[in-house]
């Protein structure tokens, strides 16, 4: 099977060839866990979950390593830790905050149908690797110590021999263009305005660790060095795919490339760079000031966005209807349409067979999920459609999707007694056939509808019987 991916670095779509087919390696920038993840955070999680599934299909699940980090060093985390746990030392308070918010993130993305990554490193657990890379950069002349800081010099990188990439190659901009389009911190200890922080001294009340390069006192890493350290630790000096949102191309990913290539002396950090497009909400850029800042949790568990809660797989389909590189407008109407589509596809309750070949081919063309969904509408065999949906991470039954809002909000539901009776009859037949997997599946479907079952025997005949009631 040929897998073609668009590479931000080369601006071309080409056949993907891993460095080692027995060890396919992908890194994706994960969340900064200071609060609930917003719906924009969900897009890369869903996009690269689909790629993860496809890579596992092509190369074998045991041969693919997917690393998605957690950033747990950040000013917003510091502020919340000081607010919520003023009685604890800040490093401990930070851990308490991030354990809670990371657990919520895991619950939210699991509800979206996403597999957990192979490895999920935390920034605070990789300080040693950060110090190592920083000291390599200083020894190589690409970074320098000034006023308790360590700074990277893009000018030094560009002055090196031709084995290293040009700073700005990923963003496809000159240094002047990047300066003009970015907020550059002005500081007297910088040699050049474009120099960026690898390490800085911790202020009083901030978390800190022993500083590199013989600097006295405690310090903390810059944002960009964290991902260079974590990807190196778990994937090596050069790996196959690096992903994230388009907003990360500059400065974050550009600076990752600079740090990693200069530290290890390679022309590449990752072979392929993939970026998903921007997300808007109801036609506007999402922001708290506009009142359209929406979290995954709100969409799943409250009625704040559109007057109701949505099943996670509805959110997933609403995302995948648009090609990952295109901008997306996330709307209540799109959710309604996605739910209607899923309910239609799940109307036939059948065991899945084999995923549709045309759909897999479309997915292999730079994750063309829009073409896959168009193909799903044309599949006549419900078993093939069910298998294709499973492949894409859609597992929920129609009853689970339709009943999600009522279940979340505790709303009394009307019960289709004929449907309940037919499902119970099918379950009893499955038990007679000793098909316990199917019996359990039907039981779970009824439970999602809010139906509690009670198994027993007919006192006259001794035959199995099942009674039911609506769960209160």
Protein backbone atom coordinates (compact mmCIF):
# COMPACT_ATOMS: atom_id res chain seq x y z
CA UNK A 1 0.00 0.00 0.00
CA UNK A 2 1.26 3.46 -0.94
CA UNK A 3 0.90 6.12 1.75
CA UNK A 4 1.26 9.71 0.53
CA UNK A 5 1.62 12.63 2.95
CA UNK A 6 1.94 16.38 2.51
CA UNK A 7 5.19 17.70 4.00
CA UNK A 8 5.14 21.31 5.26
CA UNK A 9 8.93 21.39 4.96
CA UNK A 10 9.03 20.60 1.22
CA UNK A 11 5.56 21.97 0.31
CA UNK A 12 4.91 18.75 -1.62
CA UNK A 13 2.89 15.57 -1.24
CA UNK A 14 5.05 12.49 -1.61
CA UNK A 15 5.13 8.80 -0.82
CA UNK A 16 6.00 8.20 2.82
CA UNK A 17 9.00 5.94 3.41
CA UNK A 18 9.91 5.46 7.08
CA UNK A 19 13.55 5.51 8.15
CA UNK A 20 12.99 2.00 9.52
CA UNK A 21 9.74 0.18 8.60
CA UNK A 22 10.11 -1.89 11.76
CA UNK A 23 10.15 1.26 13.93
CA UNK A 24 7.84 3.94 12.55
CA UNK A 25 8.06 7.03 14.81
CA UNK A 26 5.71 10.01 15.16
CA UNK A 27 5.74 12.97 17.56
CA UNK A 28 2.80 15.37 18.02
CA UNK A 29 2.77 18.43 20.25
CA UNK A 30 0.24 17.87 23.01
CA UNK A 31 -1.66 20.17 25.36
CA UNK A 32 -0.50 22.61 28.01
CA UNK A 33 -2.60 21.29 30.87
CA UNK A 34 -3.56 24.38 32.83
CA UNK A 35 -7.34 23.99 32.31
CA UNK A 36 -9.93 22.18 30.18
CA UNK A 37 -8.72 21.62 26.61
CA UNK A 38 -10.61 23.69 24.04
CA UNK A 39 -12.15 22.41 20.83
CA UNK A 40 -9.19 23.70 18.83
CA UNK A 41 -6.97 21.33 20.84
CA UNK A 42 -9.22 18.46 19.75
CA UNK A 43 -8.45 18.86 16.05
CA UNK A 44 -4.80 17.70 16.07
CA UNK A 45 -5.66 14.97 18.57
CA UNK A 46 -8.31 13.56 16.21
CA UNK A 47 -6.29 14.10 13.01
CA UNK A 48 -3.17 12.38 14.26
CA UNK A 49 -5.20 9.62 15.90
CA UNK A 50 -6.48 8.77 12.41
CA UNK A 51 -2.89 8.80 11.09
CA UNK A 52 -1.80 6.62 14.03
CA UNK A 53 -4.51 4.09 13.14
CA UNK A 54 -3.48 4.13 9.48
CA UNK A 55 0.21 3.66 10.27
CA UNK A 56 -0.66 0.71 12.53
CA UNK A 57 -2.69 -0.78 9.70
CA UNK A 58 0.12 -0.40 7.16
CA UNK A 59 3.15 -1.33 9.29
CA UNK A 60 1.68 -3.32 12.20
CA UNK A 61 0.59 -1.98 15.57
CA UNK A 62 3.72 -3.19 17.35
CA UNK A 63 5.97 -1.30 14.89
CA UNK A 64 4.52 2.19 15.38
CA UNK A 65 5.47 4.54 18.22
CA UNK A 66 3.31 7.61 18.72
CA UNK A 67 4.57 10.19 21.22
CA UNK A 68 2.28 13.02 22.31
CA UNK A 69 3.66 15.17 25.11
CA UNK A 70 2.11 17.01 28.02
CA UNK A 71 3.47 20.49 28.73
CA UNK A 72 3.38 20.96 32.49
CA UNK A 73 5.76 23.96 32.77
CA UNK A 74 3.96 27.18 31.95
CA UNK A 75 3.11 30.55 33.48
CA UNK A 76 -0.62 29.81 33.39
CA UNK A 77 -0.02 26.55 35.27
CA UNK A 78 2.07 28.45 37.83
CA UNK A 79 -0.73 30.97 38.35
CA UNK A 80 -3.37 28.31 38.85
CA UNK A 81 -1.15 26.28 41.18
CA UNK A 82 -0.52 29.32 43.36
CA UNK A 83 -4.24 30.10 43.39
CA UNK A 84 -5.55 26.57 44.07
CA UNK A 85 -2.82 25.21 46.38
CA UNK A 86 -1.23 28.20 48.18
CA UNK A 87 -0.22 26.03 51.12
CA UNK A 88 2.00 23.70 48.99
CA UNK A 89 5.51 24.21 47.56
CA UNK A 90 5.03 25.39 43.98
CA UNK A 91 6.57 22.33 42.30
CA UNK A 92 4.18 20.10 44.26
CA UNK A 93 1.23 22.41 43.62
CA UNK A 94 1.97 22.32 39.89
CA UNK A 95 1.94 18.55 39.92
CA UNK A 96 -1.44 18.55 41.70
CA UNK A 97 -2.92 20.93 39.12
CA UNK A 98 -1.55 19.09 36.09
CA UNK A 99 -2.55 15.64 37.33
CA UNK A 100 -6.14 16.83 37.58
CA UNK A 101 -6.22 18.67 34.26
CA UNK A 102 -4.35 15.88 32.44
CA UNK A 103 -6.89 13.33 33.73
CA UNK A 104 -9.71 15.50 32.38
CA UNK A 105 -7.91 15.79 29.03
CA UNK A 106 -7.55 12.00 28.85
CA UNK A 107 -11.25 11.52 29.57
CA UNK A 108 -12.23 14.10 26.95
CA UNK A 109 -10.08 12.71 24.13
CA UNK A 110 -11.11 9.13 24.94
CA UNK A 111 -14.72 10.27 24.49
CA UNK A 112 -13.70 11.57 21.05
CA UNK A 113 -12.75 8.01 20.07
CA UNK A 114 -8.98 8.57 20.22
CA UNK A 115 -6.48 5.87 21.11
CA UNK A 116 -3.93 6.71 23.79
CA UNK A 117 -0.47 7.47 22.36
CA UNK A 118 2.28 4.89 22.81
CA UNK A 119 4.19 7.29 25.07
CA UNK A 120 2.94 10.45 26.79
CA UNK A 121 5.96 12.22 28.31
CA UNK A 122 5.73 15.16 30.70
CA UNK A 123 8.09 18.09 30.28
CA UNK A 124 9.01 18.15 33.98
CA UNK A 125 10.23 14.56 33.75
CA UNK A 126 12.76 15.43 31.01
CA UNK A 127 14.78 18.27 32.56
CA UNK A 128 17.98 16.19 32.34
CA UNK A 129 17.55 15.78 28.57
CA UNK A 130 16.89 19.51 28.19
CA UNK A 131 20.07 20.36 30.09
CA UNK A 132 22.02 17.92 27.91
CA UNK A 133 20.81 19.49 24.65
CA UNK A 134 21.43 23.02 25.97
CA UNK A 135 25.02 22.18 26.94
CA UNK A 136 25.62 20.61 23.50
CA UNK A 137 24.39 23.81 21.84
CA UNK A 138 26.64 26.00 23.98
CA UNK A 139 29.67 23.80 23.27
CA UNK A 140 28.87 23.92 19.54
CA UNK A 141 28.71 27.71 19.50
CA UNK A 142 24.98 27.82 18.67
CA UNK A 143 23.94 29.12 22.09
CA UNK A 144 25.44 31.36 24.76
CA UNK A 145 25.04 32.20 28.44
CA UNK A 146 24.02 35.74 29.38
CA UNK A 147 22.69 37.14 32.66
CA UNK A 148 21.60 33.73 33.97
CA UNK A 149 19.91 32.87 30.68
CA UNK A 150 20.92 30.51 27.87
CA UNK A 151 19.93 31.79 24.44
CA UNK A 152 19.96 30.18 20.99
CA UNK A 153 21.43 32.20 18.13
CA UNK A 154 19.77 31.73 14.70
CA UNK A 155 22.61 33.82 13.23
CA UNK A 156 25.16 31.28 14.48
CA UNK A 157 23.08 28.49 12.94
CA UNK A 158 23.00 30.21 9.56
CA UNK A 159 26.75 30.87 9.74
CA UNK A 160 27.46 27.14 10.13
CA UNK A 161 28.43 24.96 7.19
CA UNK A 162 25.85 23.65 4.74
CA UNK A 163 25.04 20.47 6.66
CA UNK A 164 22.40 22.31 8.72
CA UNK A 165 19.07 23.65 7.45
CA UNK A 166 18.49 27.37 7.07
CA UNK A 167 16.71 28.94 10.02
CA UNK A 168 13.24 29.72 8.68
CA UNK A 169 13.13 26.89 6.12
CA UNK A 170 10.14 25.21 7.77
CA UNK A 171 8.12 28.43 7.94
CA UNK A 172 9.42 29.32 4.45
CA UNK A 173 10.22 32.86 5.56
CA UNK A 174 13.35 34.95 5.78
CA UNK A 175 14.69 36.08 9.13
CA UNK A 176 13.46 39.63 8.48
CA UNK A 177 9.96 38.37 7.68
CA UNK A 178 9.87 36.31 10.85
CA UNK A 179 11.01 39.26 12.95
CA UNK A 180 8.31 41.45 11.39
CA UNK A 181 5.58 38.87 12.01
CA UNK A 182 6.47 37.83 15.55
CA UNK A 183 6.52 39.39 18.97
CA UNK A 184 10.23 39.54 19.78
CA UNK A 185 11.26 39.94 23.40
CA UNK A 186 13.66 42.84 23.79
CA UNK A 187 16.33 42.22 26.43
CA UNK A 188 19.73 43.83 27.03
CA UNK A 189 21.49 40.47 27.39
CA UNK A 190 20.55 39.33 23.87
CA UNK A 191 23.17 39.52 21.14
CA UNK A 192 20.46 39.71 18.49
CA UNK A 193 16.71 40.39 18.57
CA UNK A 194 15.93 36.95 17.09
CA UNK A 195 17.79 34.99 19.78
CA UNK A 196 15.38 32.87 21.81
CA UNK A 197 15.48 31.46 25.32
CA UNK A 198 16.56 27.90 26.04
CA UNK A 199 16.80 28.38 29.81
CA UNK A 200 15.97 31.24 32.17
CA UNK A 201 16.38 31.87 35.88
CA UNK A 202 13.39 31.15 38.09
CA UNK A 203 11.87 34.08 39.89
CA UNK A 204 10.82 33.83 43.50
CA UNK A 205 7.70 31.69 43.73
CA UNK A 206 8.32 29.98 40.35
CA UNK A 207 9.24 26.30 39.91
CA UNK A 208 12.93 25.64 39.36
CA UNK A 209 15.60 23.04 38.70
CA UNK A 210 19.42 23.10 38.76
CA UNK A 211 20.61 25.19 35.83
CA UNK A 212 22.91 23.95 33.03
CA UNK A 213 26.27 25.35 31.89
CA UNK A 214 27.50 26.13 35.41
CA UNK A 215 24.86 28.81 35.98
CA UNK A 216 24.23 29.34 39.67
CA UNK A 217 20.75 29.00 41.11
CA UNK A 218 17.53 27.42 39.94
CA UNK A 219 16.06 27.93 36.51
CA UNK A 220 13.39 26.65 34.15
CA UNK A 221 13.35 25.66 30.48
CA UNK A 222 12.05 27.63 27.55
CA UNK A 223 9.02 26.19 25.76
CA UNK A 224 10.74 25.06 22.56
CA UNK A 225 13.51 23.02 24.20
CA UNK A 226 10.92 20.80 25.90
CA UNK A 227 9.73 19.12 22.70
CA UNK A 228 13.27 18.73 21.34
CA UNK A 229 14.20 16.89 24.53
CA UNK A 230 11.13 14.66 24.70
CA UNK A 231 11.22 13.66 21.03
CA UNK A 232 14.95 12.86 21.30
CA UNK A 233 14.43 10.77 24.43
CA UNK A 234 11.65 8.62 22.97
CA UNK A 235 12.20 8.68 19.19
CA UNK A 236 15.87 9.44 18.61
CA UNK A 237 17.86 12.22 16.93
CA UNK A 238 15.92 11.95 13.64
CA UNK A 239 12.47 10.40 13.29
CA UNK A 240 9.70 10.03 10.74
CA UNK A 241 6.79 12.41 11.37
CA UNK A 242 6.31 15.51 13.49
CA UNK A 243 2.78 16.93 13.73
CA UNK A 244 0.78 19.74 15.26
CA UNK A 245 -1.42 22.70 14.48
CA UNK A 246 -0.49 25.20 11.76
CA UNK A 247 -0.13 27.88 14.44
CA UNK A 248 2.93 26.02 15.78
CA UNK A 249 5.01 26.24 12.58
CA UNK A 250 6.61 29.46 13.80
CA UNK A 251 8.13 29.95 16.23
CA UNK A 252 7.70 26.62 18.04
CA UNK A 253 8.45 24.07 15.34
CA UNK A 254 11.01 26.28 13.62
CA UNK A 255 12.88 26.55 16.91
CA UNK A 256 12.61 22.82 17.56
CA UNK A 257 14.29 22.17 14.21
CA UNK A 258 17.03 24.68 15.02
CA UNK A 259 17.76 23.20 18.44
CA UNK A 260 17.69 19.54 17.42
CA UNK A 261 19.63 19.80 14.15
CA UNK A 262 22.36 21.98 15.73
CA UNK A 263 22.63 19.77 18.84
CA UNK A 264 22.93 16.51 16.90
CA UNK A 265 24.46 17.65 13.62
CA UNK A 266 21.79 16.35 11.26
CA UNK A 267 20.14 18.12 8.34
CA UNK A 268 16.71 17.03 9.58
CA UNK A 269 14.85 16.63 12.85
CA UNK A 270 11.88 14.85 11.27
CA UNK A 271 11.44 13.61 7.72
CA UNK A 272 7.85 14.80 7.37
CA UNK A 273 6.18 17.79 9.06
CA UNK A 274 2.38 17.74 9.11
CA UNK A 275 0.11 20.55 10.26
CA UNK A 276 -3.66 20.75 10.60
CA UNK A 277 -5.48 23.95 9.65
CA UNK A 278 -7.03 26.61 11.86
CA UNK A 279 -10.39 26.18 13.59
CA UNK A 280 -13.07 28.84 13.92
CA UNK A 281 -16.31 28.67 15.93
CA UNK A 282 -19.48 29.83 14.18
CA UNK A 283 -17.44 31.79 11.63
CA UNK A 284 -15.20 33.65 14.08
CA UNK A 285 -11.78 33.11 15.57
CA UNK A 286 -12.29 31.44 18.95
CA UNK A 287 -11.53 33.74 21.86
CA UNK A 288 -12.81 34.39 25.36
CA UNK A 289 -13.35 38.06 24.53
CA UNK A 290 -15.84 37.11 21.79
CA UNK A 291 -17.63 34.68 24.10
CA UNK A 292 -17.13 31.74 21.72
CA UNK A 293 -14.36 29.93 23.59
CA UNK A 294 -15.60 26.33 23.76
CA UNK A 295 -13.99 23.42 25.61
CA UNK A 296 -14.27 19.75 24.69
CA UNK A 297 -15.82 19.17 28.11
CA UNK A 298 -18.55 21.75 27.47
CA UNK A 299 -19.52 20.06 24.22
CA UNK A 300 -19.57 16.60 25.79
CA UNK A 301 -21.11 17.30 29.15
CA UNK A 302 -23.05 20.59 29.20
CA UNK A 303 -25.57 22.49 27.12
CA UNK A 304 -23.49 25.67 26.96
CA UNK A 305 -22.65 25.61 23.24
CA UNK A 306 -25.95 24.85 21.53
CA UNK A 307 -28.49 23.97 24.16
CA UNK A 308 -27.48 20.31 24.41
CA UNK A 309 -24.57 17.93 24.98
CA UNK A 310 -23.05 15.97 22.09
CA UNK A 311 -21.65 12.45 21.89
CA UNK A 312 -17.88 12.52 21.36
CA UNK A 313 -18.08 10.64 18.07
CA UNK A 314 -20.36 13.35 16.69
CA UNK A 315 -17.57 15.85 17.40
CA UNK A 316 -15.12 13.45 15.74
CA UNK A 317 -17.16 13.19 12.53
CA UNK A 318 -17.76 16.95 12.43
CA UNK A 319 -13.97 17.40 12.48
CA UNK A 320 -13.20 14.74 9.87
CA UNK A 321 -15.66 16.02 7.28
CA UNK A 322 -13.06 18.69 6.41
CA UNK A 323 -9.59 17.77 5.11
CA UNK A 324 -7.10 18.22 7.93
CA UNK A 325 -5.03 20.89 6.14
CA UNK A 326 -8.03 23.10 5.44
CA UNK A 327 -9.50 25.60 7.90
CA UNK A 328 -12.67 24.42 9.61
CA UNK A 329 -15.71 26.28 10.90
CA UNK A 330 -17.05 24.44 13.93
CA UNK A 331 -20.79 25.07 14.20
CA UNK A 332 -23.88 23.69 15.91
CA UNK A 333 -25.31 22.96 12.45
CA UNK A 334 -22.25 20.86 11.59
CA UNK A 335 -22.80 18.86 14.77
CA UNK A 336 -26.45 18.30 13.94
CA UNK A 337 -25.53 17.07 10.46
CA UNK A 338 -22.79 14.80 11.81
CA UNK A 339 -25.17 13.27 14.35
CA UNK A 340 -27.83 12.66 11.69
CA UNK A 341 -25.24 10.96 9.48
CA UNK A 342 -23.93 8.71 12.24
CA UNK A 343 -27.44 7.65 13.25
CA UNK A 344 -28.19 6.72 9.65
CA UNK A 345 -24.99 4.72 9.32
CA UNK A 346 -25.63 2.89 12.60
CA UNK A 347 -29.29 2.11 11.86
CA UNK A 348 -28.30 -1.44 10.86
CA UNK A 349 -27.01 -3.33 13.88
CA UNK A 350 -24.59 -5.82 12.31
CA UNK A 351 -21.17 -7.22 13.22
CA UNK A 352 -18.41 -5.52 11.19
CA UNK A 353 -16.70 -7.46 8.38
CA UNK A 354 -13.73 -5.91 6.51
CA UNK A 355 -13.04 -2.20 6.02
CA UNK A 356 -13.74 -0.86 2.54
CA UNK A 357 -10.67 -0.81 0.28
CA UNK A 358 -11.59 2.41 -1.53
CA UNK A 359 -12.00 4.19 1.80
CA UNK A 360 -8.56 3.00 2.97
CA UNK A 361 -7.05 4.15 -0.33
CA UNK A 362 -8.57 7.61 0.11
CA UNK A 363 -7.25 7.78 3.66
CA UNK A 364 -3.80 6.83 2.35
CA UNK A 365 -3.84 9.91 0.11
CA UNK A 366 -2.78 12.45 2.73
CA UNK A 367 -5.60 11.53 5.14
CA UNK A 368 -8.37 12.51 2.75
CA UNK A 369 -11.13 11.98 5.30
CA UNK A 370 -13.60 14.04 3.26
CA UNK A 371 -13.27 11.47 0.45
CA UNK A 372 -13.59 8.63 2.97
CA UNK A 373 -16.86 10.06 4.28
CA UNK A 374 -18.17 10.48 0.74
CA UNK A 375 -17.31 6.82 0.16
CA UNK A 376 -19.11 5.77 3.36
CA UNK A 377 -22.30 7.28 1.98
CA UNK A 378 -21.99 4.98 -1.06
CA UNK A 379 -21.28 1.71 0.76
CA UNK A 380 -24.32 -0.58 0.51
CA UNK A 381 -23.10 -3.44 2.71
CA UNK A 382 -23.79 -2.45 6.34
CA UNK A 383 -21.13 -4.88 7.61
CA UNK A 384 -18.46 -3.27 5.42
CA UNK A 385 -19.62 0.18 6.49
CA UNK A 386 -19.48 -0.86 10.16
CA UNK A 387 -15.90 -2.14 9.72
CA UNK A 388 -14.87 1.08 7.97
CA UNK A 389 -16.36 3.16 10.77
CA UNK A 390 -14.51 1.01 13.32
CA UNK A 391 -11.28 1.61 11.41
CA UNK A 392 -11.83 5.36 11.67
CA UNK A 393 -12.45 5.17 15.42
CA UNK A 394 -16.26 5.17 15.44
CA UNK A 395 -17.57 2.52 17.84
CA UNK A 396 -20.77 3.92 19.36
CA UNK A 397 -24.20 2.47 18.65
CA UNK A 398 -27.11 4.55 17.42
CA UNK A 399 -28.71 4.28 20.86
CA UNK A 400 -25.58 5.62 22.58
CA UNK A 401 -25.36 8.56 20.19
CA UNK A 402 -29.06 9.43 20.31
CA UNK A 403 -29.31 9.07 24.08
CA UNK A 404 -26.14 10.94 25.04
CA UNK A 405 -27.66 14.35 25.77
CA UNK A 406 -30.48 12.90 27.85
CA UNK A 407 -28.11 10.63 29.75
CA UNK A 408 -25.72 13.47 30.56
CA UNK A 409 -28.44 15.81 31.70
CA UNK A 410 -30.61 13.24 33.47
CA UNK A 411 -33.62 13.91 31.25
CA UNK A 412 -36.38 11.30 31.27
CA UNK A 413 -36.53 9.53 27.94
CA UNK A 414 -39.42 7.96 26.06
CA UNK A 415 -38.81 4.27 25.64
CA UNK A 416 -39.45 2.40 22.40
CA UNK A 417 -40.85 -0.76 23.98
CA UNK A 418 -40.95 -2.68 20.70
CA UNK A 419 -37.25 -1.98 20.11
CA UNK A 420 -36.40 -3.05 23.67
CA UNK A 421 -38.37 -6.27 23.26
CA UNK A 422 -36.64 -7.11 19.96
CA UNK A 423 -33.20 -6.49 21.43
CA UNK A 424 -33.96 -8.63 24.46
CA UNK A 425 -35.18 -11.44 22.17
CA UNK A 426 -31.98 -11.18 20.13
CA UNK A 427 -29.92 -11.30 23.32
CA UNK A 428 -31.73 -14.40 24.59
CA UNK A 429 -31.13 -16.11 21.26
CA UNK A 430 -27.43 -15.17 21.39
CA UNK A 431 -27.20 -16.69 24.87
CA UNK A 432 -28.88 -19.88 23.64
CA UNK A 433 -26.27 -20.03 20.88
CA UNK A 434 -23.55 -19.40 23.51
CA UNK A 435 -22.54 -16.28 21.60
CA UNK A 436 -21.73 -14.40 24.77
CA UNK A 437 -19.87 -11.60 23.02
CA UNK A 438 -23.02 -10.69 21.08
CA UNK A 439 -25.13 -11.09 24.21
CA UNK A 440 -22.88 -8.65 26.07
CA UNK A 441 -22.92 -6.21 23.16
CA UNK A 442 -26.74 -6.10 23.16
CA UNK A 443 -26.80 -5.72 26.93
CA UNK A 444 -24.45 -2.75 26.64
CA UNK A 445 -26.59 -1.21 23.88
CA UNK A 446 -29.67 -1.47 26.10
CA UNK A 447 -27.74 0.02 29.02
CA UNK A 448 -26.82 2.99 26.83
CA UNK A 449 -30.53 3.45 26.17
CA UNK A 450 -31.10 3.59 29.93
CA UNK A 451 -32.54 0.08 30.19
CA UNK A 452 -31.66 -2.12 33.17
CA UNK A 453 -31.99 -5.88 32.61
CA UNK A 454 -32.74 -8.64 35.10
CA UNK A 455 -32.12 -12.22 34.05
CA UNK A 456 -34.01 -15.16 35.56
CA UNK A 457 -35.91 -18.35 34.75
CA UNK A 458 -39.56 -19.00 34.02
CA UNK A 459 -40.82 -20.79 37.17
CA UNK A 460 -43.07 -23.05 35.10
CA UNK A 461 -40.75 -24.06 32.25
CA UNK A 462 -37.30 -23.30 33.59
CA UNK A 463 -36.50 -21.36 30.39
CA UNK A 464 -34.33 -18.21 30.64
CA UNK A 465 -36.34 -14.99 30.77
CA UNK A 466 -35.28 -11.36 30.96
CA UNK A 467 -37.27 -8.48 32.42
CA UNK A 468 -36.37 -4.83 32.09
CA UNK A 469 -36.94 -1.43 33.60
CA UNK A 470 -35.82 2.14 32.91
CA UNK A 471 -32.83 3.12 35.04
CA UNK A 472 -33.64 5.93 37.44
